PDB file of N, CA and C in Angstrom:
ATOM      1  N   MET A   1       0.858  -1.172   0.000  1.00  0.00           N
ATOM      2  CA  MET A   1       0.000   0.000   0.000  1.00  0.00           C
ATOM      3  C   MET A   1       0.902   1.231   0.000  1.00  0.00           C
ATOM      4  N   TYR A   2       0.331   2.364  -0.177  1.00  0.00           N
ATOM      5  CA  TYR A   2       1.087   3.608  -0.306  1.00  0.00           C
ATOM      6  C   TYR A   2       0.976   4.454   0.958  1.00  0.00           C
ATOM      7  N   VAL A   3       1.010   3.820   2.107  1.00  0.00           N
ATOM      8  CA  VAL A   3       0.845   4.495   3.387  1.00  0.00           C
ATOM      9  C   VAL A   3       2.193   4.552   4.093  1.00  0.00           C
ATOM     10  N   VAL A   4       2.567   5.750   4.528  1.00  0.00           N
ATOM     11  CA  VAL A   4       3.864   5.965   5.169  1.00  0.00           C
ATOM     12  C   VAL A   4       3.652   6.756   6.453  1.00  0.00           C
ATOM     13  N   ARG A   5       4.324   6.330   7.495  1.00  0.00           N
ATOM     14  CA  ARG A   5       4.234   7.060   8.758  1.00  0.00           C
ATOM     15  C   ARG A   5       5.272   8.177   8.767  1.00  0.00           C
ATOM     16  N   ARG A   6       4.828   9.341   9.162  1.00  0.00           N
ATOM     17  CA  ARG A   6       5.719  10.502   9.248  1.00  0.00           C
ATOM     18  C   ARG A   6       5.411  11.206  10.563  1.00  0.00           C
ATOM     19  N   GLY A   7       6.283  11.028  11.526  1.00  0.00           N
ATOM     20  CA  GLY A   7       6.000  11.552  12.860  1.00  0.00           C
ATOM     21  C   GLY A   7       4.878  10.749  13.485  1.00  0.00           C
ATOM     22  N   ASP A   8       3.837  11.446  13.949  1.00  0.00           N
ATOM     23  CA  ASP A   8       2.699  10.738  14.538  1.00  0.00           C
ATOM     24  C   ASP A   8       1.527  10.644  13.564  1.00  0.00           C
ATOM     25  N   ARG A   9       1.744  11.005  12.315  1.00  0.00           N
ATOM     26  CA  ARG A   9       0.691  10.975  11.289  1.00  0.00           C
ATOM     27  C   ARG A   9       1.028   9.997  10.182  1.00  0.00           C
ATOM     28  N   TRP A  10      -0.011   9.603   9.462  1.00  0.00           N
ATOM     29  CA  TRP A  10       0.141   8.719   8.307  1.00  0.00           C
ATOM     30  C   TRP A  10      -0.099   9.517   7.044  1.00  0.00           C
ATOM     31  N   TRP A  11       0.683   9.234   6.016  1.00  0.00           N
ATOM     32  CA  TRP A  11       0.622   9.934   4.741  1.00  0.00           C
ATOM     33  C   TRP A  11       0.420   8.939   3.608  1.00  0.00           C
ATOM     34  N   PHE A  12      -0.181   9.414   2.544  1.00  0.00           N
ATOM     35  CA  PHE A  12      -0.294   8.663   1.300  1.00  0.00           C
ATOM     36  C   PHE A  12       0.821   9.150   0.394  1.00  0.00           C
ATOM     37  N   ARG A  13       1.598   8.221  -0.189  1.00  0.00           N
ATOM     38  CA  ARG A  13       2.653   8.570  -1.144  1.00  0.00           C
ATOM     39  C   ARG A  13       2.607   7.597  -2.309  1.00  0.00           C
ATOM     40  N   LYS A  14       2.623   8.143  -3.514  1.00  0.00           N
ATOM     41  CA  LYS A  14       2.627   7.292  -4.705  1.00  0.00           C
ATOM     42  C   LYS A  14       3.350   8.033  -5.814  1.00  0.00           C
ATOM     43  N   ALA A  15       4.250   7.346  -6.476  1.00  0.00           N
ATOM     44  CA  ALA A  15       4.986   7.949  -7.595  1.00  0.00           C
ATOM     45  C   ALA A  15       4.054   8.115  -8.794  1.00  0.00           C
ATOM     46  N   ILE A  16       4.265   9.191  -9.525  1.00  0.00           N
ATOM     47  CA  ILE A  16       3.519   9.454 -10.754  1.00  0.00           C
ATOM     48  C   ILE A  16       4.169   8.640 -11.873  1.00  0.00           C
ATOM     49  N   PRO A  17       3.377   8.001 -12.734  1.00  0.00           N
ATOM     50  CA  PRO A  17       3.978   7.302 -13.874  1.00  0.00           C
ATOM     51  C   PRO A  17       4.841   8.256 -14.705  1.00  0.00           C
ATOM     52  N   VAL A  18       5.953   7.757 -15.182  1.00  0.00           N
ATOM     53  CA  VAL A  18       6.936   8.579 -15.897  1.00  0.00           C
ATOM     54  C   VAL A  18       6.307   9.358 -17.045  1.00  0.00           C
ATOM     55  N   ASP A  19       5.403   8.729 -17.787  1.00  0.00           N
ATOM     56  CA  ASP A  19       4.797   9.406 -18.940  1.00  0.00           C
ATOM     57  C   ASP A  19       3.848  10.530 -18.536  1.00  0.00           C
ATOM     58  N   LEU A  20       3.476  10.628 -17.253  1.00  0.00           N
ATOM     59  CA  LEU A  20       2.568  11.687 -16.809  1.00  0.00           C
ATOM     60  C   LEU A  20       3.255  12.765 -15.971  1.00  0.00           C
ATOM     61  N   VAL A  21       4.536  12.586 -15.668  1.00  0.00           N
ATOM     62  CA  VAL A  21       5.238  13.564 -14.833  1.00  0.00           C
ATOM     63  C   VAL A  21       5.233  14.943 -15.482  1.00  0.00           C
ATOM     64  N   ASP A  22       5.564  15.031 -16.758  1.00  0.00           N
ATOM     65  CA  ASP A  22       5.577  16.330 -17.443  1.00  0.00           C
ATOM     66  C   ASP A  22       4.180  16.921 -17.557  1.00  0.00           C
ATOM     67  N   VAL A  23       3.204  16.083 -17.765  1.00  0.00           N
ATOM     68  CA  VAL A  23       1.821  16.552 -17.921  1.00  0.00           C
ATOM     69  C   VAL A  23       1.277  17.104 -16.609  1.00  0.00           C
ATOM     70  N   LEU A  24       1.497  16.380 -15.516  1.00  0.00           N
ATOM     71  CA  LEU A  24       0.959  16.782 -14.223  1.00  0.00           C
ATOM     72  C   LEU A  24       1.849  17.777 -13.486  1.00  0.00           C
ATOM     73  N   GLY A  25       3.134  17.773 -13.803  1.00  0.00           N
ATOM     74  CA  GLY A  25       4.046  18.720 -13.182  1.00  0.00           C
ATOM     75  C   GLY A  25       4.545  18.305 -11.810  1.00  0.00           C
ATOM     76  N   ILE A  26       4.270  17.087 -11.406  1.00  0.00           N
ATOM     77  CA  ILE A  26       4.773  16.576 -10.133  1.00  0.00           C
ATOM     78  C   ILE A  26       5.245  15.142 -10.339  1.00  0.00           C
ATOM     79  N   ALA A  27       6.170  14.693  -9.495  1.00  0.00           N
ATOM     80  CA  ALA A  27       6.714  13.345  -9.624  1.00  0.00           C
ATOM     81  C   ALA A  27       6.120  12.380  -8.609  1.00  0.00           C
ATOM     82  N   GLU A  28       5.426  12.922  -7.620  1.00  0.00           N
ATOM     83  CA  GLU A  28       4.884  12.080  -6.565  1.00  0.00           C
ATOM     84  C   GLU A  28       3.644  12.736  -5.976  1.00  0.00           C
ATOM     85  N   VAL A  29       2.667  11.917  -5.634  1.00  0.00           N
ATOM     86  CA  VAL A  29       1.477  12.395  -4.930  1.00  0.00           C
ATOM     87  C   VAL A  29       1.733  12.170  -3.449  1.00  0.00           C
ATOM     88  N   ARG A  30       1.623  13.228  -2.675  1.00  0.00           N
ATOM     89  CA  ARG A  30       1.764  13.148  -1.224  1.00  0.00           C
ATOM     90  C   ARG A  30       0.556  13.814  -0.612  1.00  0.00           C
ATOM     91  N   ARG A  31      -0.069  13.129   0.306  1.00  0.00           N
ATOM     92  CA  ARG A  31      -1.271  13.668   0.930  1.00  0.00           C
ATOM     93  C   ARG A  31      -1.335  13.161   2.366  1.00  0.00           C
ATOM     94  N   SER A  32      -1.549  14.059   3.308  1.00  0.00           N
ATOM     95  CA  SER A  32      -1.737  13.642   4.688  1.00  0.00           C
ATOM     96  C   SER A  32      -3.072  12.916   4.787  1.00  0.00           C
ATOM     97  N   LEU A  33      -3.064  11.799   5.470  1.00  0.00           N
ATOM     98  CA  LEU A  33      -4.304  11.049   5.669  1.00  0.00           C
ATOM     99  C   LEU A  33      -5.002  11.486   6.954  1.00  0.00           C
ATOM    100  N   ARG A  34      -4.354  12.373   7.699  1.00  0.00           N
ATOM    101  CA  ARG A  34      -4.904  12.922   8.938  1.00  0.00           C
ATOM    102  C   ARG A  34      -5.420  11.822   9.850  1.00  0.00           C
ATOM    103  N   ALA A  35      -4.578  10.841  10.021  1.00  0.00           N
ATOM    104  CA  ALA A  35      -4.932   9.702  10.861  1.00  0.00           C
ATOM    105  C   ALA A  35      -3.757   9.359  11.760  1.00  0.00           C
ATOM    106  N   HIS A  36      -4.073   8.959  12.975  1.00  0.00           N
ATOM    107  CA  HIS A  36      -3.040   8.532  13.915  1.00  0.00           C
ATOM    108  C   HIS A  36      -2.903   7.013  13.928  1.00  0.00           C
ATOM    109  N   LYS A  37      -3.958   6.316  13.557  1.00  0.00           N
ATOM    110  CA  LYS A  37      -3.950   4.852  13.594  1.00  0.00           C
ATOM    111  C   LYS A  37      -3.764   4.286  12.195  1.00  0.00           C
ATOM    112  N   ALA A  38      -2.971   3.212  12.118  1.00  0.00           N
ATOM    113  CA  ALA A  38      -2.646   2.595  10.828  1.00  0.00           C
ATOM    114  C   ALA A  38      -3.894   2.085  10.114  1.00  0.00           C
ATOM    115  N   ARG A  39      -4.789   1.497  10.841  1.00  0.00           N
ATOM    116  CA  ARG A  39      -6.008   0.957  10.215  1.00  0.00           C
ATOM    117  C   ARG A  39      -6.828   2.048   9.538  1.00  0.00           C
ATOM    118  N   GLU A  40      -7.012   3.146  10.233  1.00  0.00           N
ATOM    119  CA  GLU A  40      -7.754   4.284   9.667  1.00  0.00           C
ATOM    120  C   GLU A  40      -7.004   4.854   8.461  1.00  0.00           C
ATOM    121  N   ALA A  41      -5.689   4.928   8.555  1.00  0.00           N
ATOM    122  CA  ALA A  41      -4.868   5.444   7.456  1.00  0.00           C
ATOM    123  C   ALA A  41      -5.025   4.584   6.207  1.00  0.00           C
ATOM    124  N   ARG A  42      -5.007   3.271   6.368  1.00  0.00           N
ATOM    125  CA  ARG A  42      -5.164   2.373   5.212  1.00  0.00           C
ATOM    126  C   ARG A  42      -6.530   2.551   4.560  1.00  0.00           C
ATOM    127  N   ARG A  43      -7.560   2.716   5.379  1.00  0.00           N
ATOM    128  CA  ARG A  43      -8.909   2.906   4.839  1.00  0.00           C
ATOM    129  C   ARG A  43      -9.003   4.216   4.040  1.00  0.00           C
ATOM    130  N   ARG A  44      -8.429   5.279   4.593  1.00  0.00           N
ATOM    131  CA  ARG A  44      -8.448   6.564   3.889  1.00  0.00           C
ATOM    132  C   ARG A  44      -7.563   6.537   2.646  1.00  0.00           C
ATOM    133  N   ALA A  45      -6.453   5.799   2.724  1.00  0.00           N
ATOM    134  CA  ALA A  45      -5.538   5.714   1.582  1.00  0.00           C
ATOM    135  C   ALA A  45      -6.217   5.073   0.379  1.00  0.00           C
ATOM    136  N   LEU A  46      -7.097   4.122   0.613  1.00  0.00           N
ATOM    137  CA  LEU A  46      -7.813   3.495  -0.499  1.00  0.00           C
ATOM    138  C   LEU A  46      -8.649   4.509  -1.263  1.00  0.00           C
ATOM    139  N   LYS A  47      -9.283   5.421  -0.544  1.00  0.00           N
ATOM    140  CA  LYS A  47     -10.082   6.459  -1.196  1.00  0.00           C
ATOM    141  C   LYS A  47      -9.192   7.393  -2.015  1.00  0.00           C
ATOM    142  N   VAL A  48      -8.049   7.761  -1.445  1.00  0.00           N
ATOM    143  CA  VAL A  48      -7.122   8.629  -2.169  1.00  0.00           C
ATOM    144  C   VAL A  48      -6.588   7.906  -3.404  1.00  0.00           C
ATOM    145  N   LEU A  49      -6.253   6.634  -3.254  1.00  0.00           N
ATOM    146  CA  LEU A  49      -5.730   5.852  -4.368  1.00  0.00           C
ATOM    147  C   LEU A  49      -6.732   5.795  -5.523  1.00  0.00           C
ATOM    148  N   VAL A  50      -7.999   5.626  -5.219  1.00  0.00           N
ATOM    149  CA  VAL A  50      -9.026   5.597  -6.271  1.00  0.00           C
ATOM    150  C   VAL A  50      -9.029   6.919  -7.039  1.00  0.00           C
ATOM    151  N   ARG A  51      -8.970   8.024  -6.318  1.00  0.00           N
ATOM    152  CA  ARG A  51      -8.953   9.343  -6.983  1.00  0.00           C
ATOM    153  C   ARG A  51      -7.708   9.523  -7.844  1.00  0.00           C
ATOM    154  N   VAL A  52      -6.574   9.121  -7.318  1.00  0.00           N
ATOM    155  CA  VAL A  52      -5.311   9.254  -8.057  1.00  0.00           C
ATOM    156  C   VAL A  52      -5.365   8.431  -9.339  1.00  0.00           C
ATOM    157  N   GLU A  53      -5.840   7.207  -9.230  1.00  0.00           N
ATOM    158  CA  GLU A  53      -5.936   6.339 -10.408  1.00  0.00           C
ATOM    159  C   GLU A  53      -6.910   6.910 -11.440  1.00  0.00           C
ATOM    160  N   GLU A  54      -7.976   7.553 -10.987  1.00  0.00           N
ATOM    161  CA  GLU A  54      -8.919   8.193 -11.914  1.00  0.00           C
ATOM    162  C   GLU A  54      -8.237   9.319 -12.687  1.00  0.00           C
ATOM    163  N   VAL A  55      -7.433  10.101 -11.986  1.00  0.00           N
ATOM    164  CA  VAL A  55      -6.705  11.190 -12.653  1.00  0.00           C
ATOM    165  C   VAL A  55      -5.731  10.614 -13.668  1.00  0.00           C
ATOM    166  N   TYR A  56      -5.022   9.547 -13.294  1.00  0.00           N
ATOM    167  CA  TYR A  56      -4.095   8.900 -14.228  1.00  0.00           C
ATOM    168  C   TYR A  56      -4.833   8.453 -15.485  1.00  0.00           C
ATOM    169  N   ALA A  57      -5.974   7.831 -15.313  1.00  0.00           N
ATOM    170  CA  ALA A  57      -6.727   7.310 -16.453  1.00  0.00           C
ATOM    171  C   ALA A  57      -7.181   8.434 -17.375  1.00  0.00           C
ATOM    172  N   VAL A  58      -7.659   9.515 -16.790  1.00  0.00           N
ATOM    173  CA  VAL A  58      -8.117  10.658 -17.590  1.00  0.00           C
ATOM    174  C   VAL A  58      -6.956  11.276 -18.346  1.00  0.00           C
ATOM    175  N   ARG A  59      -5.848  11.494 -17.645  1.00  0.00           N
ATOM    176  CA  ARG A  59      -4.693  12.125 -18.288  1.00  0.00           C
ATOM    177  C   ARG A  59      -4.056  11.212 -19.328  1.00  0.00           C
ATOM    178  N   ALA A  60      -4.002   9.929 -19.056  1.00  0.00           N
ATOM    179  CA  ALA A  60      -3.418   8.990 -20.014  1.00  0.00           C
ATOM    180  C   ALA A  60      -4.250   8.929 -21.285  1.00  0.00           C
ATOM    181  N   ALA A  61      -5.550   9.159 -21.152  1.00  0.00           N
ATOM    182  CA  ALA A  61      -6.436   9.160 -22.316  1.00  0.00           C
ATOM    183  C   ALA A  61      -6.331  10.472 -23.100  1.00  0.00           C
ATOM    184  N   GLY A  62      -5.603  11.430 -22.555  1.00  0.00           N
ATOM    185  CA  GLY A  62      -5.406  12.699 -23.246  1.00  0.00           C
ATOM    186  C   GLY A  62      -6.446  13.741 -22.918  1.00  0.00           C
ATOM    187  N   ALA A  63      -7.382  13.425 -22.050  1.00  0.00           N
ATOM    188  CA  ALA A  63      -8.423  14.387 -21.673  1.00  0.00           C
ATOM    189  C   ALA A  63      -7.862  15.380 -20.667  1.00  0.00           C
ATOM    190  N   ARG A  64      -8.506  16.505 -20.587  1.00  0.00           N
ATOM    191  CA  ARG A  64      -8.084  17.530 -19.636  1.00  0.00           C
ATOM    192  C   ARG A  64      -8.810  17.334 -18.321  1.00  0.00           C
ATOM    193  N   CYS A  65      -8.129  17.641 -17.248  1.00  0.00           N
ATOM    194  CA  CYS A  65      -8.724  17.568 -15.912  1.00  0.00           C
ATOM    195  C   CYS A  65      -9.243  18.944 -15.527  1.00  0.00           C
ATOM    196  N   ARG A  66     -10.184  18.941 -14.601  1.00  0.00           N
ATOM    197  CA  ARG A  66     -10.635  20.209 -14.036  1.00  0.00           C
ATOM    198  C   ARG A  66      -9.485  20.809 -13.237  1.00  0.00           C
ATOM    199  N   PRO A  67      -9.422  22.139 -13.115  1.00  0.00           N
ATOM    200  CA  PRO A  67      -8.358  22.748 -12.314  1.00  0.00           C
ATOM    201  C   PRO A  67      -8.401  22.232 -10.880  1.00  0.00           C
ATOM    202  N   GLY A  68      -7.219  21.943 -10.334  1.00  0.00           N
ATOM    203  CA  GLY A  68      -7.130  21.495  -8.956  1.00  0.00           C
ATOM    204  C   GLY A  68      -7.200  19.999  -8.783  1.00  0.00           C
ATOM    205  N   VAL A  69      -7.570  19.248  -9.800  1.00  0.00           N
ATOM    206  CA  VAL A  69      -7.712  17.807  -9.649  1.00  0.00           C
ATOM    207  C   VAL A  69      -6.355  17.143  -9.538  1.00  0.00           C
ATOM    208  N   ALA A  70      -5.419  17.525 -10.377  1.00  0.00           N
ATOM    209  CA  ALA A  70      -4.117  16.859 -10.390  1.00  0.00           C
ATOM    210  C   ALA A  70      -3.130  17.488  -9.417  1.00  0.00           C
ATOM    211  N   GLY A  71      -3.325  18.738  -9.064  1.00  0.00           N
ATOM    212  CA  GLY A  71      -2.359  19.407  -8.212  1.00  0.00           C
ATOM    213  C   GLY A  71      -2.803  19.483  -6.770  1.00  0.00           C
ATOM    214  N   ARG A  72      -2.316  20.486  -6.089  1.00  0.00           N
ATOM    215  CA  ARG A  72      -2.636  20.655  -4.684  1.00  0.00           C
ATOM    216  C   ARG A  72      -3.725  21.696  -4.502  1.00  0.00           C
ATOM    217  N   GLY A  73      -4.664  21.747  -5.386  1.00  0.00           N
ATOM    218  CA  GLY A  73      -5.716  22.757  -5.350  1.00  0.00           C
ATOM    219  C   GLY A  73      -6.575  22.674  -4.109  1.00  0.00           C
ATOM    220  N   SER A  74      -7.175  23.797  -3.749  1.00  0.00           N
ATOM    221  CA  SER A  74      -7.982  23.822  -2.534  1.00  0.00           C
ATOM    222  C   SER A  74      -9.206  22.929  -2.666  1.00  0.00           C
ATOM    223  N   SER A  75      -9.667  22.670  -3.883  1.00  0.00           N
ATOM    224  CA  SER A  75     -10.826  21.801  -4.041  1.00  0.00           C
ATOM    225  C   SER A  75     -10.517  20.391  -3.546  1.00  0.00           C
ATOM    226  N   ASN A  76      -9.297  19.917  -3.768  1.00  0.00           N
ATOM    227  CA  ASN A  76      -8.904  18.602  -3.252  1.00  0.00           C
ATOM    228  C   ASN A  76      -8.878  18.599  -1.736  1.00  0.00           C
ATOM    229  N   GLN A  77      -8.367  19.657  -1.154  1.00  0.00           N
ATOM    230  CA  GLN A  77      -8.301  19.737   0.300  1.00  0.00           C
ATOM    231  C   GLN A  77      -9.702  19.791   0.887  1.00  0.00           C
ATOM    232  N   GLN A  78     -10.576  20.563   0.275  1.00  0.00           N
ATOM    233  CA  GLN A  78     -11.945  20.652   0.761  1.00  0.00           C
ATOM    234  C   GLN A  78     -12.649  19.308   0.642  1.00  0.00           C
ATOM    235  N   ARG A  79     -12.442  18.616  -0.462  1.00  0.00           N
ATOM    236  CA  ARG A  79     -13.057  17.313  -0.662  1.00  0.00           C
ATOM    237  C   ARG A  79     -12.531  16.318   0.361  1.00  0.00           C
ATOM    238  N   HIS A  80     -11.224  16.366   0.622  1.00  0.00           N
ATOM    239  CA  HIS A  80     -10.605  15.476   1.599  1.00  0.00           C
ATOM    240  C   HIS A  80     -11.197  15.731   2.989  1.00  0.00           C
ATOM    241  N   ARG A  81     -11.325  16.993   3.378  1.00  0.00           N
ATOM    242  CA  ARG A  81     -11.887  17.326   4.686  1.00  0.00           C
ATOM    243  C   ARG A  81     -13.342  16.881   4.791  1.00  0.00           C
ATOM    244  N   ARG A  82     -14.100  17.058   3.710  1.00  0.00           N
ATOM    245  CA  ARG A  82     -15.498  16.628   3.692  1.00  0.00           C
ATOM    246  C   ARG A  82     -15.585  15.115   3.872  1.00  0.00           C
ATOM    247  N   ASP A  83     -14.718  14.369   3.191  1.00  0.00           N
ATOM    248  CA  ASP A  83     -14.706  12.906   3.335  1.00  0.00           C
ATOM    249  C   ASP A  83     -14.434  12.506   4.779  1.00  0.00           C
ATOM    250  N   ILE A  84     -13.493  13.179   5.395  1.00  0.00           N
ATOM    251  CA  ILE A  84     -13.155  12.854   6.800  1.00  0.00           C
ATOM    252  C   ILE A  84     -14.337  13.155   7.713  1.00  0.00           C
ATOM    253  N   ARG A  85     -14.996  14.302   7.492  1.00  0.00           N
ATOM    254  CA  ARG A  85     -16.172  14.636   8.305  1.00  0.00           C
ATOM    255  C   ARG A  85     -17.261  13.586   8.135  1.00  0.00           C
ATOM    256  N   GLU A  86     -17.492  13.162   6.904  1.00  0.00           N
ATOM    257  CA  GLU A  86     -18.514  12.153   6.656  1.00  0.00           C
ATOM    258  C   GLU A  86     -18.161  10.835   7.330  1.00  0.00           C
ATOM    259  N   GLU A  87     -16.878  10.461   7.305  1.00  0.00           N
ATOM    260  CA  GLU A  87     -16.449   9.234   7.956  1.00  0.00           C
ATOM    261  C   GLU A  87     -16.674   9.310   9.459  1.00  0.00           C
ATOM    262  N   ARG A  88     -16.398  10.446  10.039  1.00  0.00           N
ATOM    263  CA  ARG A  88     -16.550  10.602  11.491  1.00  0.00           C
ATOM    264  C   ARG A  88     -18.014  10.526  11.895  1.00  0.00           C
ATOM    265  N   THR A  89     -18.895  11.126  11.115  1.00  0.00           N
ATOM    266  CA  THR A  89     -20.317  11.103  11.467  1.00  0.00           C
ATOM    267  C   THR A  89     -20.932   9.744  11.179  1.00  0.00           C
ATOM    268  N   ALA A  90     -20.376   8.985  10.231  1.00  0.00           N
ATOM    269  CA  ALA A  90     -20.905   7.660   9.901  1.00  0.00           C
ATOM    270  C   ALA A  90     -20.446   6.598  10.870  1.00  0.00           C
ATOM    271  N   SER A  91     -19.342   6.834  11.565  1.00  0.00           N
ATOM    272  CA  SER A  91     -18.808   5.841  12.503  1.00  0.00           C
ATOM    273  C   SER A  91     -19.705   5.765  13.731  1.00  0.00           C
ATOM    274  N   PRO A  92     -19.957   4.550  14.236  1.00  0.00           N
ATOM    275  CA  PRO A  92     -20.812   4.415  15.432  1.00  0.00           C
ATOM    276  C   PRO A  92     -20.120   4.868  16.695  1.00  0.00           C
TER     277      PRO A  92
END
């Protein structure tokens, strides 16, 4: 999996495919999973991985992404925070 511990937090890290590095402008996806426990980090990493793979598929097909999808745009951060809030309210 692409989960790495950094200090007391878990992060998602995944290398960008070589053919997409120039297109996306980054060589690696790094995202804080905002989790202290490994189990929670792995669960959140799966959601991030799905999004990353979707971006790869769109870009590999030559289609354009919406602004902020491939980079560190605030829309990604807002979506990530919303997902975490939903997970917290859904947990018993």
